[in-house]
Each structure stands twice: as C-alpha cells, then as structure tokens.
C-alpha cells in the first residue's frame, strides 16, 4: 500500500516522516531523491543543460542558485524542469517500491503531491498541517530566507483546506509529542486495515 504524505512548506512533513520511519515504515522522500537524480542521472543532466545552458552544472555539480534564479517567479520555466525530472523520479519510485512490495505499507513524502497529480497513485493520503505563524518561524530558522520569499512559495501550493478535503488523515503538527501520538494512531489503523 502506498501512503502519500504531504503538507504545505514548513508544516513539518519530514519530521512526521521520521516518526513513521521510527515505527519501521519505509520512507521515500521525493525531493531528496529528485536532488540525487539531478546529480547522478546523465539523461537529466543532458536535458537540463540543453534546456537551460551550460551554467546549469559547474564541474559536474548542479548549479542550484543558477536554476533557482531562472525559475523564481517564472512558472513556465519551473514546468520545464519538472517535465525533465518528475518522470525519472516517478520511475525511480516504482523501482524502489517494487523492492518493498511485501511491506504492509510505505510512505511517499511529496511536497506537491496534489499539485502534480501524484496523489492519484496513493492508496491513502496524510496531510500535515501547522499554524501559519509556526510555519513561518520554522522556515525563517531553517533557511536563509525572508517572509516574502516564503509567502511566494506558499502561494504556489494548494491551501490546507483543499488538501484536507482529499486526505484520509490529517496530522496537526504543533507539539511533537502530540504529533507522535497521531502518527502512532494512524500507523496502528493502517497496520490493522485489510
């Protein structure tokens, strides 16, 4: 069973994923795998260079700041990157999941699970939510960024209400112990479902 895990930027998806991992659940974090593939896949490298120029990679390493500047406030350019990377990540996930098909369920964490349509491939969906101010505080501490930049990224994602409407479970991630209890309850439900 594939359980999709998503939530808005700063909601704490990765923290929740780690809690499931502590319970023995295999976790696939799409953003991390996409970054790995952008560094290791010669096909992706070739296509990105052909699309965005030789500055995309410097000495074989992805020039993230160069790409970020191109896609910032240019959704058409971001769509080009996604069209190159997402199909490869999708295939990578299928191969990864095939190796774990005997497990009761796995978690696939995707920041834009709904936005990119991959929620349709999930048997169950968990959405992680947190108060807006908490999300801002987490992101300002974690990243070298501004409130305006965070808001700009939030504006590209679905609202919590829209995500919740299509989710089987919602985790309110404000207090870690409370979140851990919610994770344990969901894990128990999934493990005992047929």
N, C-alpha and C. Protein backbone atom coordinates (compact mmCIF):
# COMPACT_ATOMS: atom_id res chain seq x y z
N UNK A 1 0.84 -1.18 0.00
CA UNK A 1 0.00 0.00 0.00
C UNK A 1 0.89 1.25 0.00
N UNK A 2 0.54 2.20 -0.85
CA UNK A 2 1.27 3.47 -0.92
C UNK A 2 0.49 4.52 -0.15
N UNK A 3 1.12 5.08 0.88
CA UNK A 3 0.50 6.15 1.65
C UNK A 3 1.24 7.44 1.33
N UNK A 4 0.54 8.38 0.72
CA UNK A 4 1.13 9.68 0.40
C UNK A 4 1.16 10.56 1.63
N UNK A 5 2.26 11.26 1.81
CA UNK A 5 2.42 12.20 2.93
C UNK A 5 2.76 13.56 2.33
N UNK A 6 1.94 14.56 2.66
CA UNK A 6 2.17 15.89 2.11
C UNK A 6 1.80 16.95 3.15
N UNK A 7 2.01 18.19 2.78
CA UNK A 7 1.69 19.31 3.64
C UNK A 7 2.38 20.54 3.09
N UNK A 8 1.89 21.69 3.45
CA UNK A 8 2.48 22.93 2.97
C UNK A 8 3.90 23.11 3.47
N UNK A 9 4.63 23.97 2.81
CA UNK A 9 6.01 24.27 3.20
C UNK A 9 6.04 24.72 4.67
N UNK A 10 6.93 24.11 5.45
CA UNK A 10 7.06 24.46 6.86
C UNK A 10 6.10 23.73 7.79
N UNK A 11 5.29 22.82 7.24
CA UNK A 11 4.32 22.09 8.09
C UNK A 11 5.00 21.01 8.91
N UNK A 12 6.19 20.57 8.49
CA UNK A 12 6.91 19.55 9.25
C UNK A 12 6.75 18.15 8.68
N UNK A 13 6.56 18.04 7.37
CA UNK A 13 6.39 16.73 6.72
C UNK A 13 7.55 15.79 7.02
N UNK A 14 8.77 16.31 6.94
CA UNK A 14 9.95 15.45 7.11
C UNK A 14 10.03 14.94 8.55
N UNK A 15 9.69 15.77 9.50
CA UNK A 15 9.67 15.35 10.91
C UNK A 15 8.66 14.23 11.10
N UNK A 16 7.48 14.37 10.50
CA UNK A 16 6.44 13.33 10.60
C UNK A 16 6.91 12.06 9.90
N UNK A 17 7.54 12.20 8.74
CA UNK A 17 8.07 11.02 8.01
C UNK A 17 9.05 10.26 8.89
N UNK A 18 9.91 10.98 9.62
CA UNK A 18 10.89 10.33 10.50
C UNK A 18 10.18 9.54 11.60
N UNK A 19 9.06 10.07 12.09
CA UNK A 19 8.30 9.36 13.12
C UNK A 19 7.76 8.04 12.59
N UNK A 20 7.27 8.04 11.35
CA UNK A 20 6.82 6.79 10.74
C UNK A 20 8.00 5.84 10.54
N UNK A 21 9.14 6.38 10.15
CA UNK A 21 10.34 5.56 9.94
C UNK A 21 10.75 4.88 11.25
N UNK A 22 10.63 5.60 12.36
CA UNK A 22 10.96 5.04 13.68
C UNK A 22 10.05 3.85 14.02
N UNK A 23 8.88 3.80 13.39
CA UNK A 23 7.94 2.69 13.60
C UNK A 23 8.21 1.54 12.61
N UNK A 24 9.26 1.68 11.81
CA UNK A 24 9.64 0.61 10.90
C UNK A 24 9.10 0.74 9.48
N UNK A 25 8.52 1.89 9.17
CA UNK A 25 7.93 2.10 7.84
C UNK A 25 9.01 2.63 6.89
N UNK A 26 9.07 2.07 5.67
CA UNK A 26 9.99 2.57 4.65
C UNK A 26 9.47 3.90 4.12
N UNK A 27 10.38 4.86 3.97
CA UNK A 27 10.00 6.21 3.57
C UNK A 27 10.71 6.58 2.27
N UNK A 28 9.95 7.13 1.33
CA UNK A 28 10.52 7.66 0.09
C UNK A 28 10.27 9.16 0.09
N UNK A 29 11.33 9.96 0.15
CA UNK A 29 11.19 11.42 0.16
C UNK A 29 11.52 11.92 -1.24
N UNK A 30 10.48 12.28 -1.98
CA UNK A 30 10.62 12.60 -3.40
C UNK A 30 11.60 13.74 -3.65
N UNK A 31 11.60 14.80 -2.82
CA UNK A 31 12.50 15.93 -3.04
C UNK A 31 13.97 15.50 -2.95
N UNK A 32 14.28 14.68 -1.96
CA UNK A 32 15.66 14.21 -1.77
C UNK A 32 16.08 13.35 -2.95
N UNK A 33 15.18 12.44 -3.36
CA UNK A 33 15.51 11.56 -4.49
C UNK A 33 15.65 12.36 -5.79
N UNK A 34 14.83 13.38 -5.96
CA UNK A 34 14.93 14.23 -7.16
C UNK A 34 16.30 14.91 -7.20
N UNK A 35 16.73 15.43 -6.05
CA UNK A 35 18.04 16.09 -5.99
C UNK A 35 19.16 15.12 -6.31
N UNK A 36 19.07 13.89 -5.77
CA UNK A 36 20.08 12.88 -6.05
C UNK A 36 20.13 12.57 -7.54
N UNK A 37 18.95 12.42 -8.15
CA UNK A 37 18.89 12.09 -9.58
C UNK A 37 19.42 13.24 -10.43
N UNK A 38 19.19 14.48 -10.01
CA UNK A 38 19.69 15.63 -10.76
C UNK A 38 21.23 15.66 -10.75
N UNK A 39 21.83 15.02 -9.74
CA UNK A 39 23.29 14.94 -9.68
C UNK A 39 23.82 13.69 -10.37
N UNK A 40 23.04 12.60 -10.36
CA UNK A 40 23.59 11.31 -10.82
C UNK A 40 23.13 10.88 -12.21
N UNK A 41 21.99 11.34 -12.67
CA UNK A 41 21.45 10.87 -13.96
C UNK A 41 22.03 11.67 -15.12
N UNK A 42 22.74 10.97 -16.01
CA UNK A 42 23.32 11.65 -17.17
C UNK A 42 22.22 12.16 -18.11
N UNK A 43 21.09 11.43 -18.17
CA UNK A 43 19.96 11.88 -19.01
C UNK A 43 19.41 13.21 -18.52
N UNK A 44 19.19 13.31 -17.21
CA UNK A 44 18.67 14.56 -16.63
C UNK A 44 19.66 15.69 -16.86
N UNK A 45 20.94 15.42 -16.60
CA UNK A 45 21.97 16.45 -16.80
C UNK A 45 21.95 16.97 -18.23
N UNK A 46 21.94 16.05 -19.18
CA UNK A 46 21.96 16.44 -20.60
C UNK A 46 20.75 17.29 -20.96
N UNK A 47 19.57 16.88 -20.49
CA UNK A 47 18.35 17.62 -20.82
C UNK A 47 18.32 18.99 -20.16
N UNK A 48 18.77 19.07 -18.90
CA UNK A 48 18.79 20.37 -18.22
C UNK A 48 19.77 21.32 -18.89
N UNK A 49 20.94 20.81 -19.27
CA UNK A 49 21.93 21.65 -19.96
C UNK A 49 21.38 22.10 -21.32
N UNK A 50 20.74 21.19 -22.04
CA UNK A 50 20.16 21.53 -23.35
C UNK A 50 19.07 22.60 -23.20
N UNK A 51 18.33 22.55 -22.10
CA UNK A 51 17.22 23.48 -21.89
C UNK A 51 17.67 24.81 -21.29
N UNK A 52 18.59 24.77 -20.32
CA UNK A 52 18.94 25.98 -19.56
C UNK A 52 20.38 26.45 -19.75
N UNK A 53 21.16 25.72 -20.53
CA UNK A 53 22.52 26.17 -20.82
C UNK A 53 23.59 25.50 -19.97
N UNK A 54 24.84 25.73 -20.37
CA UNK A 54 25.99 25.06 -19.74
C UNK A 54 26.20 25.46 -18.29
N UNK A 55 25.68 26.62 -17.89
CA UNK A 55 25.86 27.07 -16.50
C UNK A 55 25.04 26.24 -15.51
N UNK A 56 24.18 25.36 -16.03
CA UNK A 56 23.32 24.54 -15.16
C UNK A 56 24.16 23.63 -14.27
N UNK A 57 25.31 23.19 -14.78
CA UNK A 57 26.23 22.37 -13.99
C UNK A 57 27.62 23.01 -14.04
N UNK A 58 28.26 23.08 -12.89
CA UNK A 58 29.64 23.58 -12.81
C UNK A 58 30.51 22.44 -12.30
N UNK A 59 31.46 22.02 -13.10
CA UNK A 59 32.34 20.90 -12.76
C UNK A 59 31.53 19.67 -12.36
N UNK A 60 30.45 19.42 -13.11
CA UNK A 60 29.62 18.23 -12.88
C UNK A 60 28.62 18.36 -11.75
N UNK A 61 28.64 19.49 -11.03
CA UNK A 61 27.70 19.69 -9.91
C UNK A 61 26.58 20.63 -10.33
N UNK A 62 25.37 20.29 -9.90
CA UNK A 62 24.21 21.11 -10.21
C UNK A 62 24.39 22.52 -9.63
N UNK A 63 24.18 23.51 -10.46
CA UNK A 63 24.28 24.92 -10.04
C UNK A 63 22.88 25.36 -9.59
N UNK A 64 22.56 25.05 -8.36
CA UNK A 64 21.21 25.28 -7.83
C UNK A 64 20.81 26.75 -7.84
N UNK A 65 21.74 27.63 -7.48
CA UNK A 65 21.40 29.05 -7.43
C UNK A 65 21.07 29.57 -8.83
N UNK A 66 21.79 29.08 -9.83
CA UNK A 66 21.53 29.47 -11.23
C UNK A 66 20.12 29.05 -11.64
N UNK A 67 19.78 27.77 -11.36
CA UNK A 67 18.45 27.27 -11.71
C UNK A 67 17.36 27.99 -10.91
N UNK A 68 17.62 28.22 -9.63
CA UNK A 68 16.64 28.91 -8.77
C UNK A 68 16.31 30.29 -9.31
N UNK A 69 17.36 31.00 -9.76
CA UNK A 69 17.14 32.34 -10.32
C UNK A 69 16.31 32.30 -11.59
N UNK A 70 16.49 31.25 -12.38
CA UNK A 70 15.72 31.12 -13.63
C UNK A 70 14.23 30.89 -13.33
N UNK A 71 13.95 29.98 -12.37
CA UNK A 71 12.55 29.60 -12.13
C UNK A 71 11.82 30.55 -11.19
N UNK A 72 12.57 31.38 -10.44
CA UNK A 72 11.93 32.27 -9.48
C UNK A 72 10.93 33.18 -10.20
N UNK A 73 9.67 33.07 -9.80
CA UNK A 73 8.57 33.84 -10.39
C UNK A 73 8.37 33.58 -11.90
N UNK A 74 8.85 32.45 -12.39
CA UNK A 74 8.63 32.07 -13.79
C UNK A 74 8.09 30.64 -13.83
N UNK A 75 6.79 30.46 -13.61
CA UNK A 75 6.22 29.11 -13.55
C UNK A 75 6.46 28.28 -14.81
N UNK A 76 6.57 28.93 -15.96
CA UNK A 76 6.79 28.19 -17.22
C UNK A 76 8.14 27.48 -17.18
N UNK A 77 9.15 28.16 -16.61
CA UNK A 77 10.49 27.57 -16.53
C UNK A 77 10.52 26.42 -15.52
N UNK A 78 9.79 26.60 -14.41
CA UNK A 78 9.71 25.53 -13.42
C UNK A 78 9.04 24.30 -14.03
N UNK A 79 8.02 24.52 -14.85
CA UNK A 79 7.35 23.40 -15.52
C UNK A 79 8.32 22.63 -16.41
N UNK A 80 9.24 23.34 -17.04
CA UNK A 80 10.24 22.67 -17.89
C UNK A 80 11.13 21.74 -17.05
N UNK A 81 11.58 22.25 -15.90
CA UNK A 81 12.42 21.42 -15.02
C UNK A 81 11.63 20.20 -14.56
N UNK A 82 10.40 20.44 -14.11
CA UNK A 82 9.57 19.34 -13.62
C UNK A 82 9.31 18.30 -14.70
N UNK A 83 9.14 18.74 -15.94
CA UNK A 83 8.89 17.81 -17.05
C UNK A 83 10.11 16.93 -17.30
N UNK A 84 11.29 17.43 -16.99
CA UNK A 84 12.52 16.64 -17.16
C UNK A 84 12.72 15.70 -15.97
N UNK A 85 12.53 16.23 -14.76
CA UNK A 85 12.89 15.49 -13.55
C UNK A 85 11.78 14.55 -13.06
N UNK A 86 10.53 15.00 -13.04
CA UNK A 86 9.45 14.21 -12.43
C UNK A 86 9.25 12.82 -13.03
N UNK A 87 9.29 12.67 -14.36
CA UNK A 87 9.12 11.30 -14.89
C UNK A 87 10.21 10.34 -14.40
N UNK A 88 11.44 10.84 -14.25
CA UNK A 88 12.54 9.99 -13.76
C UNK A 88 12.34 9.65 -12.29
N UNK A 89 11.87 10.62 -11.53
CA UNK A 89 11.59 10.34 -10.11
C UNK A 89 10.45 9.32 -10.00
N UNK A 90 9.45 9.46 -10.86
CA UNK A 90 8.34 8.51 -10.87
C UNK A 90 8.80 7.09 -11.14
N UNK A 91 9.69 6.93 -12.11
CA UNK A 91 10.23 5.59 -12.42
C UNK A 91 11.11 5.09 -11.28
N UNK A 92 11.92 5.98 -10.71
CA UNK A 92 12.78 5.62 -9.58
C UNK A 92 11.92 5.12 -8.42
N UNK A 93 10.80 5.81 -8.15
CA UNK A 93 9.91 5.38 -7.07
C UNK A 93 9.32 4.01 -7.36
N UNK A 94 8.89 3.77 -8.60
CA UNK A 94 8.32 2.45 -8.95
C UNK A 94 9.32 1.33 -8.68
N UNK A 95 10.57 1.55 -9.07
CA UNK A 95 11.61 0.55 -8.83
C UNK A 95 11.84 0.35 -7.33
N UNK A 96 11.90 1.46 -6.60
CA UNK A 96 12.10 1.41 -5.14
C UNK A 96 10.95 0.66 -4.47
N UNK A 97 9.73 0.97 -4.88
CA UNK A 97 8.54 0.36 -4.28
C UNK A 97 8.47 -1.13 -4.59
N UNK A 98 8.86 -1.52 -5.80
CA UNK A 98 8.84 -2.94 -6.20
C UNK A 98 9.69 -3.78 -5.26
N UNK A 99 10.77 -3.20 -4.75
CA UNK A 99 11.65 -3.91 -3.82
C UNK A 99 11.03 -4.03 -2.42
N UNK A 100 9.95 -3.30 -2.17
CA UNK A 100 9.33 -3.28 -0.84
C UNK A 100 7.87 -3.73 -0.88
N UNK A 101 7.52 -4.44 -1.93
CA UNK A 101 6.10 -4.81 -2.14
C UNK A 101 5.57 -5.75 -1.06
N UNK A 102 6.45 -6.39 -0.30
CA UNK A 102 5.98 -7.29 0.76
C UNK A 102 5.62 -6.53 2.04
N UNK A 103 5.98 -5.26 2.12
CA UNK A 103 5.67 -4.48 3.31
C UNK A 103 4.20 -4.08 3.32
N UNK A 104 3.62 -3.99 4.50
CA UNK A 104 2.20 -3.64 4.64
C UNK A 104 1.90 -2.29 3.97
N UNK A 105 2.78 -1.31 4.22
CA UNK A 105 2.65 -0.01 3.54
C UNK A 105 3.97 0.73 3.58
N UNK A 106 4.10 1.69 2.68
CA UNK A 106 5.26 2.58 2.66
C UNK A 106 4.72 4.01 2.63
N UNK A 107 5.57 4.94 3.01
CA UNK A 107 5.21 6.37 2.96
C UNK A 107 5.96 7.00 1.80
N UNK A 108 5.23 7.73 0.98
CA UNK A 108 5.84 8.51 -0.10
C UNK A 108 5.59 9.98 0.23
N UNK A 109 6.67 10.67 0.65
CA UNK A 109 6.53 12.08 1.01
C UNK A 109 6.78 12.94 -0.22
N UNK A 110 5.77 13.72 -0.57
CA UNK A 110 5.86 14.61 -1.74
C UNK A 110 5.27 15.96 -1.35
N UNK A 111 6.09 17.01 -1.45
CA UNK A 111 5.62 18.36 -1.09
C UNK A 111 4.43 18.78 -1.94
N UNK A 112 4.48 18.45 -3.23
CA UNK A 112 3.42 18.88 -4.16
C UNK A 112 2.62 17.68 -4.66
N UNK A 113 2.26 16.80 -3.72
CA UNK A 113 1.52 15.57 -4.03
C UNK A 113 0.24 15.85 -4.81
N UNK A 114 -0.51 16.86 -4.38
CA UNK A 114 -1.76 17.20 -5.06
C UNK A 114 -1.49 18.02 -6.31
N UNK A 115 -0.59 18.98 -6.19
CA UNK A 115 -0.31 19.91 -7.29
C UNK A 115 0.18 19.17 -8.54
N UNK A 116 0.97 18.09 -8.35
CA UNK A 116 1.50 17.38 -9.53
C UNK A 116 0.68 16.15 -9.91
N UNK A 117 -0.41 15.91 -9.19
CA UNK A 117 -1.32 14.82 -9.55
C UNK A 117 -0.91 13.45 -9.05
N UNK A 118 0.24 13.34 -8.36
CA UNK A 118 0.69 12.00 -7.94
C UNK A 118 -0.13 11.43 -6.79
N UNK A 119 -1.01 12.23 -6.21
CA UNK A 119 -1.90 11.71 -5.16
C UNK A 119 -2.79 10.59 -5.72
N UNK A 120 -3.03 10.61 -7.01
CA UNK A 120 -3.89 9.59 -7.64
C UNK A 120 -3.28 8.20 -7.58
N UNK A 121 -1.96 8.13 -7.36
CA UNK A 121 -1.28 6.83 -7.28
C UNK A 121 -1.20 6.31 -5.84
N UNK A 122 -1.78 7.05 -4.89
CA UNK A 122 -1.71 6.67 -3.48
C UNK A 122 -3.00 5.98 -3.04
N UNK A 123 -2.83 5.00 -2.16
CA UNK A 123 -4.00 4.30 -1.60
C UNK A 123 -4.62 5.08 -0.45
N UNK A 124 -3.79 5.77 0.29
CA UNK A 124 -4.22 6.63 1.39
C UNK A 124 -3.37 7.90 1.36
N UNK A 125 -3.92 8.97 1.95
CA UNK A 125 -3.17 10.24 1.97
C UNK A 125 -3.22 10.85 3.36
N UNK A 126 -2.04 11.28 3.82
CA UNK A 126 -1.91 12.00 5.09
C UNK A 126 -1.46 13.42 4.76
N UNK A 127 -2.18 14.40 5.28
CA UNK A 127 -1.75 15.79 5.14
C UNK A 127 -1.32 16.33 6.50
N UNK A 128 -0.16 16.95 6.52
CA UNK A 128 0.39 17.54 7.74
C UNK A 128 0.07 19.04 7.71
N UNK A 129 -0.50 19.54 8.80
CA UNK A 129 -0.81 20.96 8.88
C UNK A 129 -0.20 21.56 10.16
N UNK A 130 0.04 22.85 10.10
CA UNK A 130 0.54 23.60 11.26
C UNK A 130 0.08 25.04 11.08
N UNK A 131 -0.05 25.79 12.19
CA UNK A 131 -0.46 27.19 12.08
C UNK A 131 0.52 27.98 11.20
N UNK A 132 -0.01 28.94 10.48
CA UNK A 132 0.78 29.72 9.53
C UNK A 132 2.01 30.35 10.19
N UNK A 133 1.82 30.95 11.36
CA UNK A 133 2.95 31.63 12.02
C UNK A 133 4.03 30.63 12.43
N UNK A 134 3.61 29.44 12.86
CA UNK A 134 4.57 28.38 13.20
C UNK A 134 5.38 27.99 11.97
N UNK A 135 4.70 27.89 10.84
CA UNK A 135 5.39 27.54 9.59
C UNK A 135 6.41 28.60 9.21
N UNK A 136 6.01 29.88 9.32
CA UNK A 136 6.95 30.98 9.04
C UNK A 136 8.18 30.88 9.95
N UNK A 137 7.94 30.69 11.24
CA UNK A 137 9.04 30.63 12.21
C UNK A 137 10.00 29.50 11.88
N UNK A 138 9.46 28.31 11.55
CA UNK A 138 10.31 27.15 11.21
C UNK A 138 11.18 27.46 10.00
N UNK A 139 10.57 28.04 8.98
CA UNK A 139 11.29 28.30 7.74
C UNK A 139 12.32 29.41 7.89
N UNK A 140 12.01 30.43 8.67
CA UNK A 140 12.97 31.51 8.90
C UNK A 140 14.19 31.00 9.67
N UNK A 141 13.97 30.02 10.57
CA UNK A 141 15.07 29.43 11.32
C UNK A 141 15.88 28.47 10.44
N UNK A 142 15.19 27.72 9.60
CA UNK A 142 15.83 26.66 8.80
C UNK A 142 16.59 27.20 7.59
N UNK A 143 15.98 28.13 6.88
CA UNK A 143 16.53 28.61 5.61
C UNK A 143 16.97 30.06 5.75
N UNK A 144 17.93 30.44 4.94
CA UNK A 144 18.27 31.86 4.86
C UNK A 144 17.30 32.48 3.87
N UNK A 145 16.20 33.02 4.38
CA UNK A 145 15.13 33.49 3.51
C UNK A 145 14.38 34.63 4.17
N UNK A 146 13.36 35.10 3.49
CA UNK A 146 12.53 36.20 4.01
C UNK A 146 11.08 35.76 4.06
N UNK A 147 10.27 36.49 4.81
CA UNK A 147 8.83 36.19 4.86
C UNK A 147 8.22 36.29 3.46
N UNK A 148 8.65 37.29 2.69
CA UNK A 148 8.11 37.48 1.34
C UNK A 148 8.43 36.28 0.45
N UNK A 149 9.65 35.76 0.55
CA UNK A 149 10.04 34.59 -0.26
C UNK A 149 9.25 33.35 0.17
N UNK A 150 9.04 33.21 1.48
CA UNK A 150 8.25 32.08 1.98
C UNK A 150 6.81 32.20 1.47
N UNK A 151 6.24 33.39 1.58
CA UNK A 151 4.86 33.60 1.12
C UNK A 151 4.72 33.30 -0.36
N UNK A 152 5.72 33.68 -1.14
CA UNK A 152 5.71 33.42 -2.57
C UNK A 152 5.67 31.92 -2.85
N UNK A 153 6.45 31.14 -2.09
CA UNK A 153 6.44 29.68 -2.25
C UNK A 153 5.11 29.09 -1.79
N UNK A 154 4.58 29.62 -0.68
CA UNK A 154 3.29 29.13 -0.19
C UNK A 154 2.18 29.36 -1.22
N UNK A 155 2.27 30.48 -1.92
CA UNK A 155 1.23 30.83 -2.90
C UNK A 155 1.18 29.85 -4.07
N UNK A 156 2.26 29.08 -4.29
CA UNK A 156 2.27 28.12 -5.40
C UNK A 156 1.67 26.78 -4.98
N UNK A 157 1.40 26.61 -3.68
CA UNK A 157 0.88 25.34 -3.18
C UNK A 157 -0.62 25.44 -2.90
N UNK A 158 -1.27 24.28 -2.94
CA UNK A 158 -2.68 24.22 -2.60
C UNK A 158 -2.87 24.66 -1.15
N UNK A 159 -4.06 25.15 -0.82
CA UNK A 159 -4.37 25.50 0.57
C UNK A 159 -4.53 24.23 1.40
N UNK A 160 -4.35 24.36 2.72
CA UNK A 160 -4.57 23.21 3.61
C UNK A 160 -5.99 22.67 3.44
N UNK A 161 -6.96 23.56 3.33
CA UNK A 161 -8.36 23.13 3.21
C UNK A 161 -8.56 22.25 1.97
N UNK A 162 -7.96 22.63 0.85
CA UNK A 162 -8.08 21.84 -0.37
C UNK A 162 -7.41 20.47 -0.21
N UNK A 163 -6.25 20.44 0.46
CA UNK A 163 -5.55 19.18 0.68
C UNK A 163 -6.34 18.27 1.62
N UNK A 164 -6.83 18.88 2.70
CA UNK A 164 -7.58 18.11 3.71
C UNK A 164 -8.80 17.45 3.08
N UNK A 165 -9.46 18.15 2.17
CA UNK A 165 -10.68 17.62 1.52
C UNK A 165 -10.41 16.31 0.79
N UNK A 166 -9.17 16.10 0.34
CA UNK A 166 -8.83 14.88 -0.40
C UNK A 166 -7.98 13.90 0.40
N UNK A 167 -7.84 14.16 1.71
CA UNK A 167 -6.97 13.32 2.54
C UNK A 167 -7.77 12.35 3.40
N UNK A 168 -7.11 11.23 3.72
CA UNK A 168 -7.71 10.23 4.62
C UNK A 168 -7.40 10.56 6.08
N UNK A 169 -6.23 11.18 6.29
CA UNK A 169 -5.79 11.53 7.64
C UNK A 169 -5.19 12.93 7.63
N UNK A 170 -5.31 13.61 8.77
CA UNK A 170 -4.69 14.92 8.94
C UNK A 170 -3.91 14.89 10.25
N UNK A 171 -2.65 15.30 10.18
CA UNK A 171 -1.81 15.39 11.39
C UNK A 171 -1.59 16.87 11.70
N UNK A 172 -1.98 17.27 12.91
CA UNK A 172 -1.76 18.65 13.37
C UNK A 172 -0.40 18.68 14.06
N UNK A 173 0.57 19.30 13.40
CA UNK A 173 1.96 19.25 13.86
C UNK A 173 2.39 20.56 14.53
N UNK A 174 1.96 20.71 15.78
CA UNK A 174 2.39 21.86 16.58
C UNK A 174 3.30 21.39 17.71
N UNK A 175 2.83 20.39 18.43
CA UNK A 175 3.55 19.83 19.57
C UNK A 175 4.06 18.44 19.18
N UNK A 176 5.38 18.20 19.36
CA UNK A 176 5.98 16.95 18.88
C UNK A 176 5.37 15.70 19.51
N UNK A 177 5.12 15.74 20.82
CA UNK A 177 4.57 14.54 21.47
C UNK A 177 3.16 14.25 20.97
N UNK A 178 2.38 15.31 20.79
CA UNK A 178 1.03 15.14 20.27
C UNK A 178 1.07 14.60 18.84
N UNK A 179 1.99 15.14 18.04
CA UNK A 179 2.14 14.67 16.65
C UNK A 179 2.55 13.20 16.64
N UNK A 180 3.46 12.81 17.54
CA UNK A 180 3.90 11.42 17.62
C UNK A 180 2.74 10.49 17.96
N UNK A 181 1.85 10.95 18.84
CA UNK A 181 0.67 10.15 19.19
C UNK A 181 -0.26 9.99 17.99
N UNK A 182 -0.41 11.06 17.20
CA UNK A 182 -1.24 10.99 15.99
C UNK A 182 -0.64 10.01 14.98
N UNK A 183 0.68 10.06 14.83
CA UNK A 183 1.37 9.14 13.92
C UNK A 183 1.14 7.70 14.36
N UNK A 184 1.30 7.43 15.66
CA UNK A 184 1.13 6.06 16.18
C UNK A 184 -0.29 5.56 15.93
N UNK A 185 -1.28 6.43 16.10
CA UNK A 185 -2.68 6.04 15.89
C UNK A 185 -2.92 5.71 14.41
N UNK A 186 -2.41 6.54 13.51
CA UNK A 186 -2.59 6.30 12.07
C UNK A 186 -1.86 5.02 11.66
N UNK A 187 -0.65 4.84 12.17
CA UNK A 187 0.13 3.64 11.87
C UNK A 187 -0.64 2.39 12.29
N UNK A 188 -1.20 2.45 13.49
CA UNK A 188 -1.97 1.32 14.03
C UNK A 188 -3.19 1.04 13.14
N UNK A 189 -3.89 2.08 12.73
CA UNK A 189 -5.07 1.91 11.87
C UNK A 189 -4.70 1.27 10.54
N UNK A 190 -3.62 1.76 9.93
CA UNK A 190 -3.22 1.22 8.62
C UNK A 190 -2.76 -0.23 8.78
N UNK A 191 -1.99 -0.52 9.81
CA UNK A 191 -1.48 -1.88 10.01
C UNK A 191 -2.62 -2.88 10.25
N UNK A 192 -3.72 -2.40 10.82
CA UNK A 192 -4.83 -3.31 11.12
C UNK A 192 -5.97 -3.24 10.09
N UNK A 193 -5.76 -2.44 9.04
CA UNK A 193 -6.77 -2.41 7.96
C UNK A 193 -6.50 -3.56 7.01
N UNK A 194 -7.53 -3.97 6.28
CA UNK A 194 -7.34 -5.12 5.37
C UNK A 194 -6.93 -4.68 3.99
